[in-house]
All heavy atoms as atom14 arrays in JSON, in Angstrom:
{
  "sequence": "DIIREQVSGEEWERERQRQLLVFREPELRSAVMDQFAEGIDLLA",
  "atom14_mask": [
    [1, 1, 1, 1, 1, 1, 1, 1, 0, 0, 0, 0, 0, 0],
    [1, 1, 1, 1, 1, 1, 1, 1, 0, 0, 0, 0, 0, 0],
    [1, 1, 1, 1, 1, 1, 1, 1, 0, 0, 0, 0, 0, 0],
    [1, 1, 1, 1, 1, 1, 1, 1, 1, 1, 1, 0, 0, 0],
    [1, 1, 1, 1, 1, 1, 1, 1, 1, 0, 0, 0, 0, 0],
    [1, 1, 1, 1, 1, 1, 1, 1, 1, 0, 0, 0, 0, 0],
    [1, 1, 1, 1, 1, 1, 1, 0, 0, 0, 0, 0, 0, 0],
    [1, 1, 1, 1, 1, 1, 0, 0, 0, 0, 0, 0, 0, 0],
    [1, 1, 1, 1, 0, 0, 0, 0, 0, 0, 0, 0, 0, 0],
    [1, 1, 1, 1, 1, 1, 1, 1, 1, 0, 0, 0, 0, 0],
    [1, 1, 1, 1, 1, 1, 1, 1, 1, 0, 0, 0, 0, 0],
    [1, 1, 1, 1, 1, 1, 1, 1, 1, 1, 1, 1, 1, 1],
    [1, 1, 1, 1, 1, 1, 1, 1, 1, 0, 0, 0, 0, 0],
    [1, 1, 1, 1, 1, 1, 1, 1, 1, 1, 1, 0, 0, 0],
    [1, 1, 1, 1, 1, 1, 1, 1, 1, 0, 0, 0, 0, 0],
    [1, 1, 1, 1, 1, 1, 1, 1, 1, 1, 1, 0, 0, 0],
    [1, 1, 1, 1, 1, 1, 1, 1, 1, 0, 0, 0, 0, 0],
    [1, 1, 1, 1, 1, 1, 1, 1, 1, 1, 1, 0, 0, 0],
    [1, 1, 1, 1, 1, 1, 1, 1, 1, 0, 0, 0, 0, 0],
    [1, 1, 1, 1, 1, 1, 1, 1, 0, 0, 0, 0, 0, 0],
    [1, 1, 1, 1, 1, 1, 1, 1, 0, 0, 0, 0, 0, 0],
    [1, 1, 1, 1, 1, 1, 1, 0, 0, 0, 0, 0, 0, 0],
    [1, 1, 1, 1, 1, 1, 1, 1, 1, 1, 1, 0, 0, 0],
    [1, 1, 1, 1, 1, 1, 1, 1, 1, 1, 1, 0, 0, 0],
    [1, 1, 1, 1, 1, 1, 1, 1, 1, 0, 0, 0, 0, 0],
    [1, 1, 1, 1, 1, 1, 1, 0, 0, 0, 0, 0, 0, 0],
    [1, 1, 1, 1, 1, 1, 1, 1, 1, 0, 0, 0, 0, 0],
    [1, 1, 1, 1, 1, 1, 1, 1, 0, 0, 0, 0, 0, 0],
    [1, 1, 1, 1, 1, 1, 1, 1, 1, 1, 1, 0, 0, 0],
    [1, 1, 1, 1, 1, 1, 0, 0, 0, 0, 0, 0, 0, 0],
    [1, 1, 1, 1, 1, 0, 0, 0, 0, 0, 0, 0, 0, 0],
    [1, 1, 1, 1, 1, 1, 1, 0, 0, 0, 0, 0, 0, 0],
    [1, 1, 1, 1, 1, 1, 1, 1, 0, 0, 0, 0, 0, 0],
    [1, 1, 1, 1, 1, 1, 1, 1, 0, 0, 0, 0, 0, 0],
    [1, 1, 1, 1, 1, 1, 1, 1, 1, 0, 0, 0, 0, 0],
    [1, 1, 1, 1, 1, 1, 1, 1, 1, 1, 1, 0, 0, 0],
    [1, 1, 1, 1, 1, 0, 0, 0, 0, 0, 0, 0, 0, 0],
    [1, 1, 1, 1, 1, 1, 1, 1, 1, 0, 0, 0, 0, 0],
    [1, 1, 1, 1, 0, 0, 0, 0, 0, 0, 0, 0, 0, 0],
    [1, 1, 1, 1, 1, 1, 1, 1, 0, 0, 0, 0, 0, 0],
    [1, 1, 1, 1, 1, 1, 1, 1, 0, 0, 0, 0, 0, 0],
    [1, 1, 1, 1, 1, 1, 1, 1, 0, 0, 0, 0, 0, 0],
    [1, 1, 1, 1, 1, 1, 1, 1, 0, 0, 0, 0, 0, 0],
    [1, 1, 1, 1, 1, 0, 0, 0, 0, 0, 0, 0, 0, 0]
  ],
  "atom14_positions": [
    [[67.49, -81.09, 128.91], [67.74, -80.5, 127.56], [67.49, -81.6, 126.53], [66.97, -81.23, 125.4], [69.19, -80.02, 127.44], [69.42, -78.77, 128.3], [68.47, -78.04, 128.52], [70.57, -78.53, 128.72], [0.0, 0.0, 0.0], [0.0, 0.0, 0.0], [0.0, 0.0, 0.0], [0.0, 0.0, 0.0], [0.0, 0.0, 0.0], [0.0, 0.0, 0.0]],
    [[67.8, -82.79, 126.81], [67.58, -83.91, 125.8], [66.11, -84.04, 125.55], [65.68, -84.23, 124.41], [68.26, -85.22, 126.27], [69.78, -85.07, 126.28], [67.75, -86.4, 125.51], [70.49, -86.2, 126.93], [0.0, 0.0, 0.0], [0.0, 0.0, 0.0], [0.0, 0.0, 0.0], [0.0, 0.0, 0.0], [0.0, 0.0, 0.0], [0.0, 0.0, 0.0]],
    [[65.36, -84.04, 126.65], [63.85, -84.14, 126.46], [63.34, -82.97, 125.63], [62.51, -83.15, 124.74], [63.14, -84.17, 127.81], [63.44, -85.55, 128.52], [61.65, -84.04, 127.7], [62.94, -85.67, 129.89], [0.0, 0.0, 0.0], [0.0, 0.0, 0.0], [0.0, 0.0, 0.0], [0.0, 0.0, 0.0], [0.0, 0.0, 0.0], [0.0, 0.0, 0.0]],
    [[63.83, -81.79, 125.89], [63.44, -80.6, 125.09], [63.76, -80.85, 123.59], [62.94, -80.4, 122.7], [64.14, -79.38, 125.55], [63.53, -78.81, 126.83], [64.06, -77.39, 127.07], [63.75, -76.92, 128.37], [62.57, -76.42, 128.75], [61.62, -76.42, 127.88], [62.32, -76.02, 130.0], [0.0, 0.0, 0.0], [0.0, 0.0, 0.0], [0.0, 0.0, 0.0]],
    [[64.86, -81.46, 123.31], [65.31, -81.71, 121.91], [64.5, -82.8, 121.27], [64.13, -82.74, 120.1], [66.76, -82.11, 121.88], [67.69, -80.93, 122.25], [69.14, -81.41, 122.44], [69.44, -82.58, 122.17], [69.95, -80.6, 122.91], [0.0, 0.0, 0.0], [0.0, 0.0, 0.0], [0.0, 0.0, 0.0], [0.0, 0.0, 0.0], [0.0, 0.0, 0.0]],
    [[64.17, -83.91, 122.04], [63.52, -85.07, 121.44], [62.01, -85.0, 121.4], [61.4, -85.75, 120.63], [63.97, -86.3, 122.22], [65.43, -86.72, 122.05], [65.79, -87.99, 122.76], [64.95, -88.6, 123.42], [67.02, -88.39, 122.6], [0.0, 0.0, 0.0], [0.0, 0.0, 0.0], [0.0, 0.0, 0.0], [0.0, 0.0, 0.0], [0.0, 0.0, 0.0]],
    [[61.43, -84.2, 122.29], [59.99, -84.13, 122.37], [59.5, -82.86, 121.74], [59.9, -81.77, 122.09], [59.56, -84.24, 123.88], [58.05, -84.17, 124.02], [60.07, -85.56, 124.47], [0.0, 0.0, 0.0], [0.0, 0.0, 0.0], [0.0, 0.0, 0.0], [0.0, 0.0, 0.0], [0.0, 0.0, 0.0], [0.0, 0.0, 0.0], [0.0, 0.0, 0.0]],
    [[58.5, -82.96, 120.83], [57.96, -81.77, 120.17], [57.16, -80.98, 121.15], [56.7, -81.45, 122.2], [57.05, -82.22, 119.01], [55.83, -82.77, 119.5], [0.0, 0.0, 0.0], [0.0, 0.0, 0.0], [0.0, 0.0, 0.0], [0.0, 0.0, 0.0], [0.0, 0.0, 0.0], [0.0, 0.0, 0.0], [0.0, 0.0, 0.0], [0.0, 0.0, 0.0]],
    [[57.0, -79.7, 120.82], [56.18, -78.81, 121.64], [54.8, -79.33, 121.84], [54.22, -79.23, 122.98], [0.0, 0.0, 0.0], [0.0, 0.0, 0.0], [0.0, 0.0, 0.0], [0.0, 0.0, 0.0], [0.0, 0.0, 0.0], [0.0, 0.0, 0.0], [0.0, 0.0, 0.0], [0.0, 0.0, 0.0], [0.0, 0.0, 0.0], [0.0, 0.0, 0.0]],
    [[54.18, -79.89, 120.79], [52.87, -80.48, 120.91], [52.79, -81.66, 121.87], [51.89, -81.77, 122.68], [52.4, -80.86, 119.51], [50.97, -81.43, 119.47], [50.59, -81.89, 118.08], [51.11, -81.38, 117.07], [49.79, -82.85, 117.99], [0.0, 0.0, 0.0], [0.0, 0.0, 0.0], [0.0, 0.0, 0.0], [0.0, 0.0, 0.0], [0.0, 0.0, 0.0]],
    [[53.81, -82.5, 121.76], [53.86, -83.72, 122.62], [54.02, -83.24, 124.1], [53.39, -83.78, 125.04], [55.0, -84.6, 122.3], [54.79, -85.4, 121.03], [56.07, -86.19, 120.64], [57.13, -85.56, 120.55], [55.95, -87.39, 120.5], [0.0, 0.0, 0.0], [0.0, 0.0, 0.0], [0.0, 0.0, 0.0], [0.0, 0.0, 0.0], [0.0, 0.0, 0.0]],
    [[54.89, -82.27, 124.32], [55.17, -81.81, 125.66], [53.9, -81.1, 126.27], [53.59, -81.26, 127.49], [56.38, -80.94, 125.81], [56.61, -80.62, 127.2], [56.52, -79.49, 127.88], [57.03, -81.6, 128.26], [56.81, -79.6, 129.24], [57.09, -80.87, 129.46], [57.34, -82.95, 128.25], [57.44, -81.52, 130.67], [57.64, -83.58, 129.41], [57.71, -82.85, 130.63]],
    [[53.19, -80.36, 125.44], [51.99, -79.69, 125.88], [50.94, -80.75, 126.31], [50.22, -80.59, 127.31], [51.38, -78.79, 124.81], [50.03, -78.16, 125.15], [50.06, -77.33, 126.44], [51.15, -76.84, 126.89], [48.96, -77.21, 127.03], [0.0, 0.0, 0.0], [0.0, 0.0, 0.0], [0.0, 0.0, 0.0], [0.0, 0.0, 0.0], [0.0, 0.0, 0.0]],
    [[50.83, -81.84, 125.52], [49.94, -82.91, 125.91], [50.35, -83.54, 127.17], [49.51, -83.89, 128.04], [49.94, -83.98, 124.74], [48.84, -84.97, 124.82], [48.53, -85.72, 123.6], [49.7, -86.26, 122.91], [50.13, -85.77, 121.74], [49.58, -84.82, 121.12], [51.24, -86.35, 121.2], [0.0, 0.0, 0.0], [0.0, 0.0, 0.0], [0.0, 0.0, 0.0]],
    [[51.68, -83.72, 127.42], [52.15, -84.29, 128.68], [51.85, -83.34, 129.84], [51.43, -83.77, 130.91], [53.66, -84.51, 128.56], [54.32, -84.95, 129.85], [53.78, -86.23, 130.5], [53.03, -86.96, 129.84], [54.11, -86.45, 131.66], [0.0, 0.0, 0.0], [0.0, 0.0, 0.0], [0.0, 0.0, 0.0], [0.0, 0.0, 0.0], [0.0, 0.0, 0.0]],
    [[51.97, -82.06, 129.61], [51.66, -81.09, 130.64], [50.19, -81.09, 131.02], [49.82, -81.1, 132.21], [52.02, -79.67, 130.18], [52.12, -78.62, 131.3], [52.51, -77.32, 130.74], [51.47, -76.72, 129.98], [50.4, -76.08, 130.51], [50.28, -76.01, 131.79], [49.48, -75.52, 129.69], [0.0, 0.0, 0.0], [0.0, 0.0, 0.0], [0.0, 0.0, 0.0]],
    [[49.34, -81.28, 130.01], [47.88, -81.34, 130.24], [47.58, -82.64, 131.02], [46.72, -82.66, 131.88], [47.1, -81.33, 128.94], [47.11, -80.02, 128.2], [46.45, -78.91, 128.94], [45.48, -79.17, 129.73], [46.89, -77.69, 128.86], [0.0, 0.0, 0.0], [0.0, 0.0, 0.0], [0.0, 0.0, 0.0], [0.0, 0.0, 0.0], [0.0, 0.0, 0.0]],
    [[48.28, -83.7, 130.69], [48.1, -84.98, 131.43], [48.46, -84.78, 132.87], [47.76, -85.23, 133.79], [48.99, -86.07, 130.79], [48.75, -87.49, 131.43], [49.8, -88.48, 130.92], [51.13, -88.21, 131.54], [51.43, -88.65, 132.75], [50.62, -89.34, 133.46], [52.63, -88.37, 133.25], [0.0, 0.0, 0.0], [0.0, 0.0, 0.0], [0.0, 0.0, 0.0]],
    [[49.57, -84.17, 133.17], [50.01, -83.95, 134.52], [49.05, -83.06, 135.3], [48.7, -83.38, 136.43], [51.41, -83.31, 134.55], [52.49, -84.24, 134.06], [53.85, -83.47, 133.84], [53.93, -82.28, 134.06], [54.8, -84.2, 133.29], [0.0, 0.0, 0.0], [0.0, 0.0, 0.0], [0.0, 0.0, 0.0], [0.0, 0.0, 0.0], [0.0, 0.0, 0.0]],
    [[48.56, -81.98, 134.65], [47.58, -81.19, 135.31], [46.3, -81.98, 135.68], [45.74, -81.78, 136.74], [47.16, -79.95, 134.37], [48.28, -78.93, 134.17], [47.79, -77.97, 133.12], [48.6, -78.22, 135.41], [0.0, 0.0, 0.0], [0.0, 0.0, 0.0], [0.0, 0.0, 0.0], [0.0, 0.0, 0.0], [0.0, 0.0, 0.0], [0.0, 0.0, 0.0]],
    [[45.84, -82.83, 134.76], [44.62, -83.6, 134.99], [44.89, -84.55, 136.15], [44.07, -84.69, 137.08], [44.3, -84.39, 133.77], [43.05, -85.26, 133.8], [41.85, -84.42, 134.0], [42.87, -86.06, 132.54], [0.0, 0.0, 0.0], [0.0, 0.0, 0.0], [0.0, 0.0, 0.0], [0.0, 0.0, 0.0], [0.0, 0.0, 0.0], [0.0, 0.0, 0.0]],
    [[46.04, -85.16, 136.2], [46.38, -86.14, 137.23], [46.3, -85.46, 138.61], [45.7, -85.99, 139.6], [47.76, -86.75, 137.08], [48.24, -87.37, 138.32], [47.76, -87.77, 135.95], [0.0, 0.0, 0.0], [0.0, 0.0, 0.0], [0.0, 0.0, 0.0], [0.0, 0.0, 0.0], [0.0, 0.0, 0.0], [0.0, 0.0, 0.0], [0.0, 0.0, 0.0]],
    [[46.83, -84.25, 138.74], [46.91, -83.6, 140.1], [45.62, -82.88, 140.43], [45.48, -82.53, 141.6], [48.17, -82.76, 140.13], [49.4, -83.5, 140.23], [50.29, -83.47, 139.22], [49.68, -84.29, 141.4], [51.49, -84.26, 139.28], [50.85, -85.01, 141.46], [51.77, -85.0, 140.39], [0.0, 0.0, 0.0], [0.0, 0.0, 0.0], [0.0, 0.0, 0.0]],
    [[44.73, -82.65, 139.46], [43.5, -81.91, 139.74], [42.38, -82.86, 140.03], [41.34, -82.4, 140.64], [43.16, -80.94, 138.59], [44.14, -79.76, 138.6], [43.84, -78.79, 137.5], [44.75, -77.64, 137.61], [44.88, -76.76, 136.67], [44.19, -76.84, 135.56], [45.69, -75.76, 136.81], [0.0, 0.0, 0.0], [0.0, 0.0, 0.0], [0.0, 0.0, 0.0]],
    [[42.37, -84.05, 139.53], [41.29, -84.98, 139.73], [41.6, -85.85, 140.99], [42.54, -86.61, 140.99], [41.14, -85.93, 138.52], [40.51, -85.3, 137.32], [39.01, -85.12, 137.52], [38.38, -85.8, 138.28], [38.49, -84.21, 136.79], [0.0, 0.0, 0.0], [0.0, 0.0, 0.0], [0.0, 0.0, 0.0], [0.0, 0.0, 0.0], [0.0, 0.0, 0.0]],
    [[40.76, -85.76, 142.01], [41.08, -86.49, 143.26], [41.24, -87.98, 143.03], [42.13, -88.59, 143.61], [39.81, -86.2, 144.13], [39.3, -84.89, 143.62], [39.62, -84.92, 142.13], [0.0, 0.0, 0.0], [0.0, 0.0, 0.0], [0.0, 0.0, 0.0], [0.0, 0.0, 0.0], [0.0, 0.0, 0.0], [0.0, 0.0, 0.0], [0.0, 0.0, 0.0]],
    [[40.41, -88.53, 142.12], [40.52, -90.01, 141.89], [41.87, -90.38, 141.27], [42.47, -91.38, 141.61], [39.38, -90.39, 140.9], [39.29, -91.83, 140.59], [38.14, -92.04, 139.58], [37.25, -91.22, 139.47], [38.22, -93.1, 138.93], [0.0, 0.0, 0.0], [0.0, 0.0, 0.0], [0.0, 0.0, 0.0], [0.0, 0.0, 0.0], [0.0, 0.0, 0.0]],
    [[42.39, -89.53, 140.41], [43.64, -89.81, 139.74], [44.77, -89.39, 140.66], [45.82, -90.06, 140.66], [43.72, -88.95, 138.47], [42.76, -89.3, 137.38], [42.81, -88.33, 136.26], [43.0, -90.73, 136.84], [0.0, 0.0, 0.0], [0.0, 0.0, 0.0], [0.0, 0.0, 0.0], [0.0, 0.0, 0.0], [0.0, 0.0, 0.0], [0.0, 0.0, 0.0]],
    [[44.65, -88.43, 141.46], [45.71, -87.93, 142.32], [46.1, -89.05, 143.3], [47.26, -89.27, 143.59], [45.27, -86.69, 143.07], [46.36, -85.95, 143.7], [45.83, -84.58, 144.11], [46.81, -83.91, 144.98], [46.73, -82.62, 145.29], [45.71, -81.91, 144.84], [47.61, -82.13, 146.06], [0.0, 0.0, 0.0], [0.0, 0.0, 0.0], [0.0, 0.0, 0.0]],
    [[45.11, -89.71, 143.86], [45.45, -90.8, 144.81], [46.09, -91.99, 144.06], [47.05, -92.61, 144.58], [44.17, -91.29, 145.53], [43.21, -91.79, 144.63], [0.0, 0.0, 0.0], [0.0, 0.0, 0.0], [0.0, 0.0, 0.0], [0.0, 0.0, 0.0], [0.0, 0.0, 0.0], [0.0, 0.0, 0.0], [0.0, 0.0, 0.0], [0.0, 0.0, 0.0]],
    [[45.72, -92.25, 142.84], [46.23, -93.39, 142.08], [47.68, -93.07, 141.71], [48.49, -94.01, 141.65], [45.4, -93.63, 140.84], [0.0, 0.0, 0.0], [0.0, 0.0, 0.0], [0.0, 0.0, 0.0], [0.0, 0.0, 0.0], [0.0, 0.0, 0.0], [0.0, 0.0, 0.0], [0.0, 0.0, 0.0], [0.0, 0.0, 0.0], [0.0, 0.0, 0.0]],
    [[47.99, -91.79, 141.42], [49.36, -91.47, 140.97], [50.37, -91.64, 142.11], [51.57, -91.86, 141.86], [49.43, -90.04, 140.37], [49.54, -88.98, 141.46], [50.59, -89.95, 139.39], [0.0, 0.0, 0.0], [0.0, 0.0, 0.0], [0.0, 0.0, 0.0], [0.0, 0.0, 0.0], [0.0, 0.0, 0.0], [0.0, 0.0, 0.0], [0.0, 0.0, 0.0]],
    [[49.88, -91.66, 143.35], [50.85, -91.85, 144.42], [51.49, -93.23, 144.34], [52.63, -93.4, 144.7], [50.14, -91.67, 145.75], [49.7, -90.21, 146.0], [50.99, -89.01, 145.79], [50.09, -87.57, 145.45], [0.0, 0.0, 0.0], [0.0, 0.0, 0.0], [0.0, 0.0, 0.0], [0.0, 0.0, 0.0], [0.0, 0.0, 0.0], [0.0, 0.0, 0.0]],
    [[50.71, -94.2, 143.87], [51.27, -95.54, 143.71], [52.37, -95.53, 142.63], [53.37, -96.17, 142.72], [50.19, -96.54, 143.28], [49.17, -96.84, 144.43], [49.57, -96.66, 145.56], [48.08, -97.22, 144.07], [0.0, 0.0, 0.0], [0.0, 0.0, 0.0], [0.0, 0.0, 0.0], [0.0, 0.0, 0.0], [0.0, 0.0, 0.0], [0.0, 0.0, 0.0]],
    [[52.17, -94.66, 141.63], [53.15, -94.54, 140.56], [54.48, -93.95, 141.08], [55.54, -94.22, 140.64], [52.68, -93.7, 139.39], [51.78, -94.53, 138.45], [51.52, -93.82, 137.16], [51.27, -92.57, 137.17], [51.67, -94.48, 136.09], [0.0, 0.0, 0.0], [0.0, 0.0, 0.0], [0.0, 0.0, 0.0], [0.0, 0.0, 0.0], [0.0, 0.0, 0.0]],
    [[54.34, -92.98, 142.03], [55.53, -92.42, 142.57], [56.35, -93.48, 143.33], [57.56, -93.47, 143.35], [55.23, -91.19, 143.46], [54.99, -89.93, 142.75], [53.78, -89.32, 142.75], [56.02, -89.4, 141.96], [53.58, -88.12, 142.06], [55.84, -88.22, 141.26], [54.61, -87.57, 141.33], [0.0, 0.0, 0.0], [0.0, 0.0, 0.0], [0.0, 0.0, 0.0]],
    [[55.66, -94.4, 143.98], [56.35, -95.47, 144.61], [57.07, -96.32, 143.58], [58.24, -96.76, 143.83], [55.33, -96.37, 145.44], [0.0, 0.0, 0.0], [0.0, 0.0, 0.0], [0.0, 0.0, 0.0], [0.0, 0.0, 0.0], [0.0, 0.0, 0.0], [0.0, 0.0, 0.0], [0.0, 0.0, 0.0], [0.0, 0.0, 0.0], [0.0, 0.0, 0.0]],
    [[56.46, -96.6, 142.44], [57.15, -97.27, 141.39], [58.33, -96.48, 140.87], [59.36, -97.05, 140.45], [56.16, -97.6, 140.23], [55.04, -98.6, 140.58], [54.01, -98.66, 139.49], [54.22, -98.14, 138.38], [52.94, -99.2, 139.77], [0.0, 0.0, 0.0], [0.0, 0.0, 0.0], [0.0, 0.0, 0.0], [0.0, 0.0, 0.0], [0.0, 0.0, 0.0]],
    [[58.21, -95.18, 140.94], [59.3, -94.33, 140.42], [60.53, -94.5, 141.28], [61.66, -94.35, 140.79], [0.0, 0.0, 0.0], [0.0, 0.0, 0.0], [0.0, 0.0, 0.0], [0.0, 0.0, 0.0], [0.0, 0.0, 0.0], [0.0, 0.0, 0.0], [0.0, 0.0, 0.0], [0.0, 0.0, 0.0], [0.0, 0.0, 0.0], [0.0, 0.0, 0.0]],
    [[60.37, -94.76, 142.57], [61.55, -95.01, 143.4], [62.27, -96.22, 142.91], [63.53, -96.21, 142.8], [61.09, -95.27, 144.92], [60.55, -93.94, 145.45], [62.25, -95.75, 145.74], [59.97, -94.0, 146.87], [0.0, 0.0, 0.0], [0.0, 0.0, 0.0], [0.0, 0.0, 0.0], [0.0, 0.0, 0.0], [0.0, 0.0, 0.0], [0.0, 0.0, 0.0]],
    [[61.6, -97.3, 142.56], [62.22, -98.48, 141.98], [63.01, -98.13, 140.67], [64.11, -98.61, 140.47], [61.2, -99.61, 141.73], [60.6, -100.18, 143.07], [61.26, -100.04, 144.06], [59.5, -100.69, 142.94], [0.0, 0.0, 0.0], [0.0, 0.0, 0.0], [0.0, 0.0, 0.0], [0.0, 0.0, 0.0], [0.0, 0.0, 0.0], [0.0, 0.0, 0.0]],
    [[62.28, -97.37, 139.84], [62.84, -97.04, 138.52], [64.18, -96.21, 138.71], [65.21, -96.53, 138.08], [61.84, -96.22, 137.76], [62.05, -95.97, 136.26], [61.92, -97.29, 135.52], [60.97, -94.99, 135.77], [0.0, 0.0, 0.0], [0.0, 0.0, 0.0], [0.0, 0.0, 0.0], [0.0, 0.0, 0.0], [0.0, 0.0, 0.0], [0.0, 0.0, 0.0]],
    [[64.1, -95.21, 139.59], [65.24, -94.33, 139.79], [66.36, -95.09, 140.55], [67.58, -94.88, 140.28], [64.88, -93.09, 140.57], [64.09, -92.04, 139.73], [63.52, -91.01, 140.62], [65.02, -91.41, 138.71], [0.0, 0.0, 0.0], [0.0, 0.0, 0.0], [0.0, 0.0, 0.0], [0.0, 0.0, 0.0], [0.0, 0.0, 0.0], [0.0, 0.0, 0.0]],
    [[66.0, -95.93, 141.44], [67.02, -96.76, 142.2], [67.76, -97.62, 141.23], [69.0, -97.8, 141.32], [66.4, -97.58, 143.31], [0.0, 0.0, 0.0], [0.0, 0.0, 0.0], [0.0, 0.0, 0.0], [0.0, 0.0, 0.0], [0.0, 0.0, 0.0], [0.0, 0.0, 0.0], [0.0, 0.0, 0.0], [0.0, 0.0, 0.0], [0.0, 0.0, 0.0]]
  ]
}
């Protein structure tokens, strides 16, 4: 809910487009797996 309040619809649409691109491009999809590993550190 906080993200919905703080992030404009335009910004979130851009983020959604970024996510779609990441998961649809094979080159980017493999690279993002490294980021998920970093996400474990961030969340921990």
